[in-house]
PDB file of N, CA and C in Angstrom:
ATOM      1  N   MET A   1     -53.431 121.248 229.709  1.00  0.00           N
ATOM      2  CA  MET A   1     -52.407 121.091 230.694  1.00  0.00           C
ATOM      3  C   MET A   1     -51.275 121.760 230.346  1.00  0.00           C
ATOM      4  N   VAL A   2     -50.277 122.783 230.961  1.00  0.00           N
ATOM      5  CA  VAL A   2     -49.432 123.486 229.817  1.00  0.00           C
ATOM      6  C   VAL A   2     -47.997 122.685 230.881  1.00  0.00           C
ATOM      7  N   LYS A   3     -47.315 122.339 229.881  1.00  0.00           N
ATOM      8  CA  LYS A   3     -46.151 120.786 230.175  1.00  0.00           C
ATOM      9  C   LYS A   3     -45.531 122.272 231.192  1.00  0.00           C
ATOM     10  N   LYS A   4     -44.805 122.031 232.049  1.00  0.00           N
ATOM     11  CA  LYS A   4     -43.527 122.331 232.364  1.00  0.00           C
ATOM     12  C   LYS A   4     -41.676 122.063 231.871  1.00  0.00           C
ATOM     13  N   GLY A   5     -41.192 122.544 232.168  1.00  0.00           N
ATOM     14  CA  GLY A   5     -39.514 122.932 231.938  1.00  0.00           C
ATOM     15  C   GLY A   5     -39.385 123.188 230.486  1.00  0.00           C
ATOM     16  N   ALA A   6     -38.128 122.825 229.820  1.00  0.00           N
ATOM     17  CA  ALA A   6     -37.867 122.732 228.713  1.00  0.00           C
ATOM     18  C   ALA A   6     -38.244 122.224 227.394  1.00  0.00           C
ATOM     19  N   PRO A   7     -38.194 122.898 226.293  1.00  0.00           N
ATOM     20  CA  PRO A   7     -39.012 121.820 225.102  1.00  0.00           C
ATOM     21  C   PRO A   7     -38.500 120.698 225.273  1.00  0.00           C
ATOM     22  N   GLN A   8     -38.703 119.777 224.136  1.00  0.00           N
ATOM     23  CA  GLN A   8     -37.794 118.633 223.913  1.00  0.00           C
ATOM     24  C   GLN A   8     -36.884 118.820 222.797  1.00  0.00           C
ATOM     25  N   GLY A   9     -35.201 118.011 223.653  1.00  0.00           N
ATOM     26  CA  GLY A   9     -34.446 118.455 222.394  1.00  0.00           C
ATOM     27  C   GLY A   9     -33.851 119.747 223.098  1.00  0.00           C
ATOM     28  N   ASN A  10     -33.878 120.176 223.927  1.00  0.00           N
ATOM     29  CA  ASN A  10     -33.449 121.564 224.802  1.00  0.00           C
ATOM     30  C   ASN A  10     -31.569 120.742 225.427  1.00  0.00           C
ATOM     31  N   GLN A  11     -31.209 121.795 224.433  1.00  0.00           N
ATOM     32  CA  GLN A  11     -29.552 121.222 225.665  1.00  0.00           C
ATOM     33  C   GLN A  11     -28.719 122.693 226.696  1.00  0.00           C
ATOM     34  N   ASN A  12     -30.282 123.006 227.571  1.00  0.00           N
ATOM     35  CA  ASN A  12     -29.396 124.179 227.937  1.00  0.00           C
ATOM     36  C   ASN A  12     -28.609 123.296 229.418  1.00  0.00           C
ATOM     37  N   ALA A  13     -29.153 121.820 229.322  1.00  0.00           N
ATOM     38  CA  ALA A  13     -28.238 121.081 230.460  1.00  0.00           C
ATOM     39  C   ALA A  13     -26.612 120.875 230.047  1.00  0.00           C
ATOM     40  N   LYS A  14     -26.272 120.757 229.185  1.00  0.00           N
ATOM     41  CA  LYS A  14     -25.729 120.788 228.233  1.00  0.00           C
ATOM     42  C   LYS A  14     -24.459 121.591 228.730  1.00  0.00           C
ATOM     43  N   LYS A  15     -22.804 120.653 228.944  1.00  0.00           N
ATOM     44  CA  LYS A  15     -22.101 121.571 229.207  1.00  0.00           C
ATOM     45  C   LYS A  15     -21.659 122.335 228.019  1.00  0.00           C
ATOM     46  N   HIS A  16     -21.855 123.874 228.318  1.00  0.00           N
ATOM     47  CA  HIS A  16     -20.981 124.904 226.829  1.00  0.00           C
ATOM     48  C   HIS A  16     -19.943 125.116 227.199  1.00  0.00           C
ATOM     49  N   GLY A  17     -18.907 125.992 226.445  1.00  0.00           N
ATOM     50  CA  GLY A  17     -17.448 126.426 226.170  1.00  0.00           C
ATOM     51  C   GLY A  17     -16.713 126.607 225.159  1.00  0.00           C
ATOM     52  N   PHE A  18     -16.389 127.073 225.361  1.00  0.00           N
ATOM     53  CA  PHE A  18     -15.095 127.699 223.884  1.00  0.00           C
ATOM     54  C   PHE A  18     -14.429 126.278 223.315  1.00  0.00           C
ATOM     55  N   TYR A  19     -14.249 125.486 224.147  1.00  0.00           N
ATOM     56  CA  TYR A  19     -13.868 124.084 222.832  1.00  0.00           C
ATOM     57  C   TYR A  19     -14.683 122.863 222.915  1.00  0.00           C
ATOM     58  N   SER A  20     -16.427 123.033 223.476  1.00  0.00           N
ATOM     59  CA  SER A  20     -16.630 122.270 223.436  1.00  0.00           C
ATOM     60  C   SER A  20     -17.071 121.648 221.806  1.00  0.00           C
ATOM     61  N   LYS A  21     -17.127 122.162 220.805  1.00  0.00           N
ATOM     62  CA  LYS A  21     -17.198 121.372 219.543  1.00  0.00           C
ATOM     63  C   LYS A  21     -15.731 120.765 219.037  1.00  0.00           C
ATOM     64  N   ALA A  22     -14.500 121.478 219.673  1.00  0.00           N
ATOM     65  CA  ALA A  22     -13.357 121.035 219.199  1.00  0.00           C
ATOM     66  C   ALA A  22     -13.105 120.206 219.374  1.00  0.00           C
ATOM     67  N   LEU A  23     -13.779 119.089 220.980  1.00  0.00           N
ATOM     68  CA  LEU A  23     -13.081 118.103 221.083  1.00  0.00           C
ATOM     69  C   LEU A  23     -14.130 116.863 221.274  1.00  0.00           C
ATOM     70  N   ASP A  24     -13.974 115.947 221.026  1.00  0.00           N
ATOM     71  CA  ASP A  24     -14.752 114.404 221.138  1.00  0.00           C
ATOM     72  C   ASP A  24     -14.665 114.474 222.779  1.00  0.00           C
ATOM     73  N   LYS A  25     -15.701 112.936 222.882  1.00  0.00           N
ATOM     74  CA  LYS A  25     -15.717 112.544 224.800  1.00  0.00           C
ATOM     75  C   LYS A  25     -14.658 112.655 224.894  1.00  0.00           C
ATOM     76  N   ALA A  26     -14.092 111.601 224.590  1.00  0.00           N
ATOM     77  CA  ALA A  26     -12.921 111.312 225.119  1.00  0.00           C
ATOM     78  C   ALA A  26     -11.688 112.750 225.546  1.00  0.00           C
ATOM     79  N   GLU A  27     -11.334 113.272 224.412  1.00  0.00           N
ATOM     80  CA  GLU A  27     -10.435 114.470 224.544  1.00  0.00           C
ATOM     81  C   GLU A  27     -11.167 115.745 225.740  1.00  0.00           C
ATOM     82  N   GLU A  28     -12.861 115.645 225.781  1.00  0.00           N
ATOM     83  CA  GLU A  28     -13.145 116.622 226.786  1.00  0.00           C
ATOM     84  C   GLU A  28     -12.933 115.507 228.177  1.00  0.00           C
ATOM     85  N   LEU A  29     -12.918 114.489 228.770  1.00  0.00           N
ATOM     86  CA  LEU A  29     -12.437 113.940 229.910  1.00  0.00           C
ATOM     87  C   LEU A  29     -11.330 113.734 229.770  1.00  0.00           C
ATOM     88  N   GLN A  30     -10.408 113.810 229.264  1.00  0.00           N
ATOM     89  CA  GLN A  30      -8.825 114.265 229.077  1.00  0.00           C
ATOM     90  C   GLN A  30      -8.728 115.485 229.455  1.00  0.00           C
ATOM     91  N   LEU A  31      -9.236 116.390 228.477  1.00  0.00           N
ATOM     92  CA  LEU A  31      -9.244 117.337 229.551  1.00  0.00           C
ATOM     93  C   LEU A  31      -9.357 118.010 231.047  1.00  0.00           C
ATOM     94  N   GLU A  32     -11.005 117.403 231.144  1.00  0.00           N
ATOM     95  CA  GLU A  32     -11.099 117.838 232.825  1.00  0.00           C
ATOM     96  C   GLU A  32      -9.847 117.397 233.350  1.00  0.00           C
ATOM     97  N   GLU A  33      -9.119 116.017 233.151  1.00  0.00           N
ATOM     98  CA  GLU A  33      -7.382 116.058 233.754  1.00  0.00           C
ATOM     99  C   GLU A  33      -6.557 116.844 233.652  1.00  0.00           C
ATOM    100  N   ALA A  34      -6.517 116.815 232.515  1.00  0.00           N
ATOM    101  CA  ALA A  34      -5.118 117.752 232.216  1.00  0.00           C
ATOM    102  C   ALA A  34      -5.545 119.368 232.717  1.00  0.00           C
ATOM    103  N   ARG A  35      -6.590 119.979 232.671  1.00  0.00           N
ATOM    104  CA  ARG A  35      -6.769 121.278 232.789  1.00  0.00           C
ATOM    105  C   ARG A  35      -6.419 122.288 234.484  1.00  0.00           C
ATOM    106  N   GLY A  36      -6.416 123.207 233.903  1.00  0.00           N
ATOM    107  CA  GLY A  36      -6.179 124.256 235.945  1.00  0.00           C
ATOM    108  C   GLY A  36      -7.467 124.514 235.854  1.00  0.00           C
ATOM    109  N   ILE A  37      -7.405 125.739 236.447  1.00  0.00           N
ATOM    110  CA  ILE A  37      -8.762 126.413 236.905  1.00  0.00           C
ATOM    111  C   ILE A  37      -8.822 127.269 236.470  1.00  0.00           C
ATOM    112  N   ASP A  38      -7.901 128.399 235.853  1.00  0.00           N
ATOM    113  CA  ASP A  38      -8.020 129.524 235.022  1.00  0.00           C
ATOM    114  C   ASP A  38      -6.901 130.349 234.489  1.00  0.00           C
ATOM    115  N   GLY A  39      -6.629 130.948 234.013  1.00  0.00           N
ATOM    116  CA  GLY A  39      -6.041 131.872 233.046  1.00  0.00           C
ATOM    117  C   GLY A  39      -5.538 131.069 231.921  1.00  0.00           C
ATOM    118  N   LEU A  40      -4.497 130.693 230.840  1.00  0.00           N
ATOM    119  CA  LEU A  40      -3.850 129.859 230.057  1.00  0.00           C
ATOM    120  C   LEU A  40      -3.818 128.639 230.333  1.00  0.00           C
ATOM    121  N   ASP A  41      -4.086 127.716 231.503  1.00  0.00           N
ATOM    122  CA  ASP A  41      -3.920 126.933 231.690  1.00  0.00           C
ATOM    123  C   ASP A  41      -5.078 125.625 230.955  1.00  0.00           C
ATOM    124  N   GLU A  42      -6.105 126.244 230.462  1.00  0.00           N
ATOM    125  CA  GLU A  42      -6.837 125.284 229.761  1.00  0.00           C
ATOM    126  C   GLU A  42      -6.472 125.432 228.440  1.00  0.00           C
ATOM    127  N   GLU A  43      -6.024 126.403 227.514  1.00  0.00           N
ATOM    128  CA  GLU A  43      -5.035 126.771 226.097  1.00  0.00           C
ATOM    129  C   GLU A  43      -4.319 125.270 226.215  1.00  0.00           C
ATOM    130  N   ILE A  44      -3.165 125.786 226.982  1.00  0.00           N
ATOM    131  CA  ILE A  44      -1.983 125.017 227.194  1.00  0.00           C
ATOM    132  C   ILE A  44      -2.684 123.357 227.194  1.00  0.00           C
ATOM    133  N   ALA A  45      -3.803 123.054 227.780  1.00  0.00           N
ATOM    134  CA  ALA A  45      -3.662 121.354 227.883  1.00  0.00           C
ATOM    135  C   ALA A  45      -4.533 120.936 227.003  1.00  0.00           C
ATOM    136  N   VAL A  46      -5.701 122.367 226.581  1.00  0.00           N
ATOM    137  CA  VAL A  46      -5.964 121.772 224.974  1.00  0.00           C
ATOM    138  C   VAL A  46      -5.061 121.273 223.689  1.00  0.00           C
ATOM    139  N   LEU A  47      -4.350 122.018 223.589  1.00  0.00           N
ATOM    140  CA  LEU A  47      -3.188 122.475 223.024  1.00  0.00           C
ATOM    141  C   LEU A  47      -2.029 120.883 222.998  1.00  0.00           C
ATOM    142  N   ARG A  48      -2.232 120.805 224.245  1.00  0.00           N
ATOM    143  CA  ARG A  48      -1.387 119.086 224.816  1.00  0.00           C
ATOM    144  C   ARG A  48      -2.154 118.122 224.166  1.00  0.00           C
ATOM    145  N   ILE A  49      -3.620 117.885 224.307  1.00  0.00           N
ATOM    146  CA  ILE A  49      -3.834 117.000 223.952  1.00  0.00           C
ATOM    147  C   ILE A  49      -4.364 116.542 222.730  1.00  0.00           C
ATOM    148  N   LYS A  50      -4.378 118.184 221.661  1.00  0.00           N
ATOM    149  CA  LYS A  50      -4.889 118.260 220.463  1.00  0.00           C
ATOM    150  C   LYS A  50      -2.877 117.391 219.758  1.00  0.00           C
ATOM    151  N   LEU A  51      -1.670 118.085 220.552  1.00  0.00           N
ATOM    152  CA  LEU A  51      -0.446 117.420 219.843  1.00  0.00           C
ATOM    153  C   LEU A  51      -0.605 116.298 219.925  1.00  0.00           C
ATOM    154  N   ARG A  52      -0.832 115.763 220.872  1.00  0.00           N
ATOM    155  CA  ARG A  52      -0.717 113.968 221.130  1.00  0.00           C
ATOM    156  C   ARG A  52      -1.719 113.217 219.943  1.00  0.00           C
ATOM    157  N   SER A  53      -3.028 113.976 219.534  1.00  0.00           N
ATOM    158  CA  SER A  53      -4.435 113.319 218.760  1.00  0.00           C
ATOM    159  C   SER A  53      -2.974 113.209 217.358  1.00  0.00           C
ATOM    160  N   ILE A  54      -2.446 114.541 216.857  1.00  0.00           N
ATOM    161  CA  ILE A  54      -1.501 114.966 215.779  1.00  0.00           C
ATOM    162  C   ILE A  54      -0.661 113.564 215.912  1.00  0.00           C
ATOM    163  N   ILE A  55       0.229 113.802 216.687  1.00  0.00           N
ATOM    164  CA  ILE A  55       1.289 112.641 216.861  1.00  0.00           C
ATOM    165  C   ILE A  55       0.691 111.094 216.663  1.00  0.00           C
ATOM    166  N   GLN A  56      -0.581 110.960 216.724  1.00  0.00           N
ATOM    167  CA  GLN A  56      -0.857 109.771 216.907  1.00  0.00           C
ATOM    168  C   GLN A  56      -1.689 109.409 215.279  1.00  0.00           C
ATOM    169  N   SER A  57      -2.458 110.144 215.137  1.00  0.00           N
ATOM    170  CA  SER A  57      -3.084 110.126 213.861  1.00  0.00           C
ATOM    171  C   SER A  57      -2.610 110.533 212.547  1.00  0.00           C
ATOM    172  N   ASP A  58      -1.567 111.800 212.506  1.00  0.00           N
ATOM    173  CA  ASP A  58      -0.397 111.724 211.214  1.00  0.00           C
ATOM    174  C   ASP A  58       0.660 112.068 211.733  1.00  0.00           C
ATOM    175  N   PRO A  59       1.350 111.237 211.802  1.00  0.00           N
ATOM    176  CA  PRO A  59       2.930 111.299 212.497  1.00  0.00           C
ATOM    177  C   PRO A  59       3.714 111.868 211.566  1.00  0.00           C
ATOM    178  N   LYS A  60       3.171 111.723 210.185  1.00  0.00           N
ATOM    179  CA  LYS A  60       3.445 112.498 209.188  1.00  0.00           C
ATOM    180  C   LYS A  60       3.584 113.928 209.456  1.00  0.00           C
ATOM    181  N   ASN A  61       2.362 114.594 209.243  1.00  0.00           N
ATOM    182  CA  ASN A  61       2.817 115.690 209.428  1.00  0.00           C
ATOM    183  C   ASN A  61       3.793 117.041 210.331  1.00  0.00           C
ATOM    184  N   ILE A  62       4.535 116.450 210.167  1.00  0.00           N
ATOM    185  CA  ILE A  62       5.416 117.682 211.325  1.00  0.00           C
ATOM    186  C   ILE A  62       5.439 119.033 211.198  1.00  0.00           C
ATOM    187  N   GLU A  63       5.455 119.486 210.573  1.00  0.00           N
ATOM    188  CA  GLU A  63       4.715 120.745 210.512  1.00  0.00           C
ATOM    189  C   GLU A  63       3.608 121.097 210.971  1.00  0.00           C
ATOM    190  N   LEU A  64       2.610 120.542 211.658  1.00  0.00           N
ATOM    191  CA  LEU A  64       1.593 121.197 211.879  1.00  0.00           C
ATOM    192  C   LEU A  64       1.848 120.406 213.379  1.00  0.00           C
ATOM    193  N   ALA A  65       2.584 119.801 214.293  1.00  0.00           N
ATOM    194  CA  ALA A  65       3.212 119.296 215.047  1.00  0.00           C
ATOM    195  C   ALA A  65       3.847 119.819 215.697  1.00  0.00           C
ATOM    196  N   LEU A  66       4.712 120.911 214.561  1.00  0.00           N
ATOM    197  CA  LEU A  66       6.062 121.877 214.997  1.00  0.00           C
ATOM    198  C   LEU A  66       4.682 122.922 215.575  1.00  0.00           C
ATOM    199  N   ALA A  67       4.154 123.384 214.472  1.00  0.00           N
ATOM    200  CA  ALA A  67       3.121 124.496 214.896  1.00  0.00           C
ATOM    201  C   ALA A  67       2.673 124.786 216.246  1.00  0.00           C
ATOM    202  N   ALA A  68       1.655 123.604 216.777  1.00  0.00           N
ATOM    203  CA  ALA A  68       1.532 123.241 217.845  1.00  0.00           C
ATOM    204  C   ALA A  68       2.500 123.328 218.711  1.00  0.00           C
ATOM    205  N   ALA A  69       3.657 122.843 218.926  1.00  0.00           N
ATOM    206  CA  ALA A  69       4.396 122.910 219.648  1.00  0.00           C
ATOM    207  C   ALA A  69       5.335 124.203 220.033  1.00  0.00           C
ATOM    208  N   ASN A  70       5.334 124.863 219.287  1.00  0.00           N
ATOM    209  CA  ASN A  70       5.321 125.557 219.432  1.00  0.00           C
ATOM    210  C   ASN A  70       4.596 127.484 219.937  1.00  0.00           C
ATOM    211  N   THR A  71       3.335 126.927 219.416  1.00  0.00           N
ATOM    212  CA  THR A  71       2.380 127.355 220.376  1.00  0.00           C
ATOM    213  C   THR A  71       2.444 127.058 221.779  1.00  0.00           C
ATOM    214  N   ILE A  72       2.300 125.620 222.540  1.00  0.00           N
ATOM    215  CA  ILE A  72       2.386 125.308 222.880  1.00  0.00           C
ATOM    216  C   ILE A  72       3.672 126.481 224.283  1.00  0.00           C
ATOM    217  N   ALA A  73       4.882 125.649 223.573  1.00  0.00           N
ATOM    218  CA  ALA A  73       5.656 126.788 224.369  1.00  0.00           C
ATOM    219  C   ALA A  73       5.852 128.512 224.753  1.00  0.00           C
ATOM    220  N   ARG A  74       5.012 129.093 224.099  1.00  0.00           N
ATOM    221  CA  ARG A  74       4.664 130.395 223.752  1.00  0.00           C
ATOM    222  C   ARG A  74       3.887 130.550 225.099  1.00  0.00           C
ATOM    223  N   LEU A  75       2.347 129.371 224.927  1.00  0.00           N
ATOM    224  CA  LEU A  75       1.692 129.747 226.246  1.00  0.00           C
ATOM    225  C   LEU A  75       1.978 129.561 227.500  1.00  0.00           C
ATOM    226  N   VAL A  76       3.200 128.401 227.322  1.00  0.00           N
ATOM    227  CA  VAL A  76       3.711 128.067 228.590  1.00  0.00           C
ATOM    228  C   VAL A  76       4.694 129.388 229.147  1.00  0.00           C
ATOM    229  N   ARG A  77       5.532 129.730 228.088  1.00  0.00           N
ATOM    230  CA  ARG A  77       6.551 130.915 228.409  1.00  0.00           C
ATOM    231  C   ARG A  77       5.541 132.204 228.838  1.00  0.00           C
ATOM    232  N   THR A  78       4.058 132.306 228.758  1.00  0.00           N
ATOM    233  CA  THR A  78       3.396 133.635 229.053  1.00  0.00           C
ATOM    234  C   THR A  78       2.993 132.490 230.404  1.00  0.00           C
ATOM    235  N   ARG A  79       2.786 132.304 230.428  1.00  0.00           N
ATOM    236  CA  ARG A  79       2.056 131.313 231.762  1.00  0.00           C
ATOM    237  C   ARG A  79       2.539 131.911 232.789  1.00  0.00           C
ATOM    238  N   TYR A  80       3.771 131.452 232.459  1.00  0.00           N
ATOM    239  CA  TYR A  80       4.404 131.141 234.166  1.00  0.00           C
ATOM    240  C   TYR A  80       6.250 132.356 234.202  1.00  0.00           C
ATOM    241  N   ASN A  81       6.206 133.141 232.480  1.00  0.00           N
ATOM    242  CA  ASN A  81       6.723 134.317 232.825  1.00  0.00           C
ATOM    243  C   ASN A  81       7.775 133.650 232.903  1.00  0.00           C
ATOM    244  N   ILE A  82       8.716 132.345 232.067  1.00  0.00           N
ATOM    245  CA  ILE A  82       9.565 132.146 231.517  1.00  0.00           C
ATOM    246  C   ILE A  82      10.361 132.773 230.970  1.00  0.00           C
ATOM    247  N   SER A  83      12.263 132.985 231.294  1.00  0.00           N
ATOM    248  CA  SER A  83      13.039 133.844 230.338  1.00  0.00           C
ATOM    249  C   SER A  83      13.255 133.319 228.551  1.00  0.00           C
ATOM    250  N   LYS A  84      13.494 133.781 228.298  1.00  0.00           N
ATOM    251  CA  LYS A  84      13.624 133.942 226.590  1.00  0.00           C
ATOM    252  C   LYS A  84      14.796 132.456 226.737  1.00  0.00           C
ATOM    253  N   GLU A  85      15.814 132.160 227.584  1.00  0.00           N
ATOM    254  CA  GLU A  85      16.668 131.430 227.888  1.00  0.00           C
ATOM    255  C   GLU A  85      15.892 129.737 228.295  1.00  0.00           C
ATOM    256  N   GLN A  86      14.556 129.730 229.194  1.00  0.00           N
ATOM    257  CA  GLN A  86      14.146 128.847 228.763  1.00  0.00           C
ATOM    258  C   GLN A  86      13.135 128.493 228.191  1.00  0.00           C
ATOM    259  N   LYS A  87      12.193 129.415 227.823  1.00  0.00           N
ATOM    260  CA  LYS A  87      11.646 129.375 226.495  1.00  0.00           C
ATOM    261  C   LYS A  87      12.540 128.216 225.046  1.00  0.00           C
ATOM    262  N   ARG A  88      13.567 128.670 225.097  1.00  0.00           N
ATOM    263  CA  ARG A  88      14.616 128.242 223.671  1.00  0.00           C
ATOM    264  C   ARG A  88      14.384 126.537 224.049  1.00  0.00           C
ATOM    265  N   SER A  89      15.247 126.270 225.658  1.00  0.00           N
ATOM    266  CA  SER A  89      15.248 125.288 225.877  1.00  0.00           C
ATOM    267  C   SER A  89      14.350 124.285 226.014  1.00  0.00           C
ATOM    268  N   LEU A  90      13.265 125.059 226.044  1.00  0.00           N
ATOM    269  CA  LEU A  90      11.249 124.098 226.368  1.00  0.00           C
ATOM    270  C   LEU A  90      11.649 123.845 224.875  1.00  0.00           C
ATOM    271  N   LYS A  91      11.426 125.075 223.782  1.00  0.00           N
ATOM    272  CA  LYS A  91      11.390 124.398 222.617  1.00  0.00           C
ATOM    273  C   LYS A  91      12.059 123.382 221.622  1.00  0.00           C
ATOM    274  N   ASP A  92      13.150 123.159 222.197  1.00  0.00           N
ATOM    275  CA  ASP A  92      14.869 122.909 221.899  1.00  0.00           C
ATOM    276  C   ASP A  92      14.488 121.396 221.806  1.00  0.00           C
ATOM    277  N   ALA A  93      13.590 120.748 223.005  1.00  0.00           N
ATOM    278  CA  ALA A  93      13.381 119.895 224.021  1.00  0.00           C
ATOM    279  C   ALA A  93      12.309 119.369 223.008  1.00  0.00           C
ATOM    280  N   ILE A  94      11.032 119.893 223.088  1.00  0.00           N
ATOM    281  CA  ILE A  94       9.607 119.831 222.174  1.00  0.00           C
ATOM    282  C   ILE A  94      10.096 119.074 221.027  1.00  0.00           C
ATOM    283  N   ALA A  95      11.019 119.962 220.041  1.00  0.00           N
ATOM    284  CA  ALA A  95      11.940 120.015 218.315  1.00  0.00           C
ATOM    285  C   ALA A  95      12.671 118.370 218.247  1.00  0.00           C
ATOM    286  N   LYS A  96      13.732 118.320 219.840  1.00  0.00           N
ATOM    287  CA  LYS A  96      14.228 116.879 219.902  1.00  0.00           C
ATOM    288  C   LYS A  96      13.009 115.904 220.243  1.00  0.00           C
ATOM    289  N   VAL A  97      12.031 115.659 220.588  1.00  0.00           N
ATOM    290  CA  VAL A  97      11.438 114.985 220.345  1.00  0.00           C
ATOM    291  C   VAL A  97      10.533 114.614 219.593  1.00  0.00           C
ATOM    292  N   LEU A  98      10.003 115.258 218.983  1.00  0.00           N
ATOM    293  CA  LEU A  98       9.256 115.617 217.399  1.00  0.00           C
ATOM    294  C   LEU A  98      10.625 114.797 216.407  1.00  0.00           C
ATOM    295  N   THR A  99      11.864 114.907 216.794  1.00  0.00           N
ATOM    296  CA  THR A  99      12.628 114.560 215.323  1.00  0.00           C
ATOM    297  C   THR A  99      13.077 113.479 215.948  1.00  0.00           C
ATOM    298  N   GLU A 100      12.726 112.867 217.080  1.00  0.00           N
ATOM    299  CA  GLU A 100      12.926 111.077 217.492  1.00  0.00           C
ATOM    300  C   GLU A 100      11.888 110.639 216.910  1.00  0.00           C
ATOM    301  N   ILE A 101      10.548 111.309 216.456  1.00  0.00           N
ATOM    302  CA  ILE A 101       9.325 110.291 215.846  1.00  0.00           C
ATOM    303  C   ILE A 101       9.034 110.401 214.592  1.00  0.00           C
ATOM    304  N   ALA A 102       9.505 111.627 214.348  1.00  0.00           N
ATOM    305  CA  ALA A 102       9.796 111.513 212.416  1.00  0.00           C
ATOM    306  C   ALA A 102      10.829 110.634 212.326  1.00  0.00           C
ATOM    307  N   VAL A 103      12.395 110.739 212.497  1.00  0.00           N
ATOM    308  CA  VAL A 103      13.630 110.364 212.033  1.00  0.00           C
ATOM    309  C   VAL A 103      13.661 108.481 211.727  1.00  0.00           C
ATOM    310  N   PRO A 104      12.512 108.258 213.333  1.00  0.00           N
ATOM    311  CA  PRO A 104      12.078 106.255 212.675  1.00  0.00           C
ATOM    312  C   PRO A 104      11.562 106.211 211.470  1.00  0.00           C
ATOM    313  N   LEU A 105      10.569 107.242 211.194  1.00  0.00           N
ATOM    314  CA  LEU A 105       9.471 107.609 210.153  1.00  0.00           C
ATOM    315  C   LEU A 105       9.435 107.261 209.095  1.00  0.00           C
ATOM    316  N   GLY A 106      10.969 107.657 208.940  1.00  0.00           N
ATOM    317  CA  GLY A 106      11.949 108.411 207.599  1.00  0.00           C
ATOM    318  C   GLY A 106      11.120 109.675 207.224  1.00  0.00           C
ATOM    319  N   ILE A 107      11.262 110.206 208.310  1.00  0.00           N
ATOM    320  CA  ILE A 107      10.341 111.401 207.529  1.00  0.00           C
ATOM    321  C   ILE A 107      11.436 112.699 207.853  1.00  0.00           C
ATOM    322  N   LYS A 108      11.853 113.881 207.391  1.00  0.00           N
ATOM    323  CA  LYS A 108      12.574 114.875 207.358  1.00  0.00           C
ATOM    324  C   LYS A 108      11.906 115.905 207.954  1.00  0.00           C
ATOM    325  N   ALA A 109      11.911 116.219 209.136  1.00  0.00           N
ATOM    326  CA  ALA A 109      11.749 116.961 210.037  1.00  0.00           C
ATOM    327  C   ALA A 109      11.906 118.624 210.109  1.00  0.00           C
ATOM    328  N   LEU A 110      11.795 119.458 209.779  1.00  0.00           N
ATOM    329  CA  LEU A 110      12.034 120.738 209.798  1.00  0.00           C
ATOM    330  C   LEU A 110      12.152 121.281 210.703  1.00  0.00           C
ATOM    331  N   ILE A 111      13.026 121.710 211.519  1.00  0.00           N
ATOM    332  CA  ILE A 111      13.288 122.152 212.866  1.00  0.00           C
ATOM    333  C   ILE A 111      13.499 123.526 212.999  1.00  0.00           C
ATOM    334  N   ARG A 112      12.682 124.773 213.325  1.00  0.00           N
ATOM    335  CA  ARG A 112      12.761 126.240 213.372  1.00  0.00           C
ATOM    336  C   ARG A 112      13.323 126.734 214.377  1.00  0.00           C
TER     337      ARG A 112
END
């Protein structure tokens, strides 16, 4: 008798995607809540989740947090086609938040 269906261990039913290996289970659930339908929304959502994770797990890694924040600012500018002044304001706001996190921890942040 021939067995029907996929072989044992097959993961065809598992959701695959570009970010499937980058996120843990909790982050996948957060992504489902945070993302939009298409466009840059998913990338923005993933970076927001990862930035939060960086700040929580490695608050002294200001360089990485700033790089992620700058990338988010560029993606948001592209997504919403905001002006350079609006981008600068968004970048300044993100830098202020990061500075407010770093200073209480005694970390000198290099704001670009």
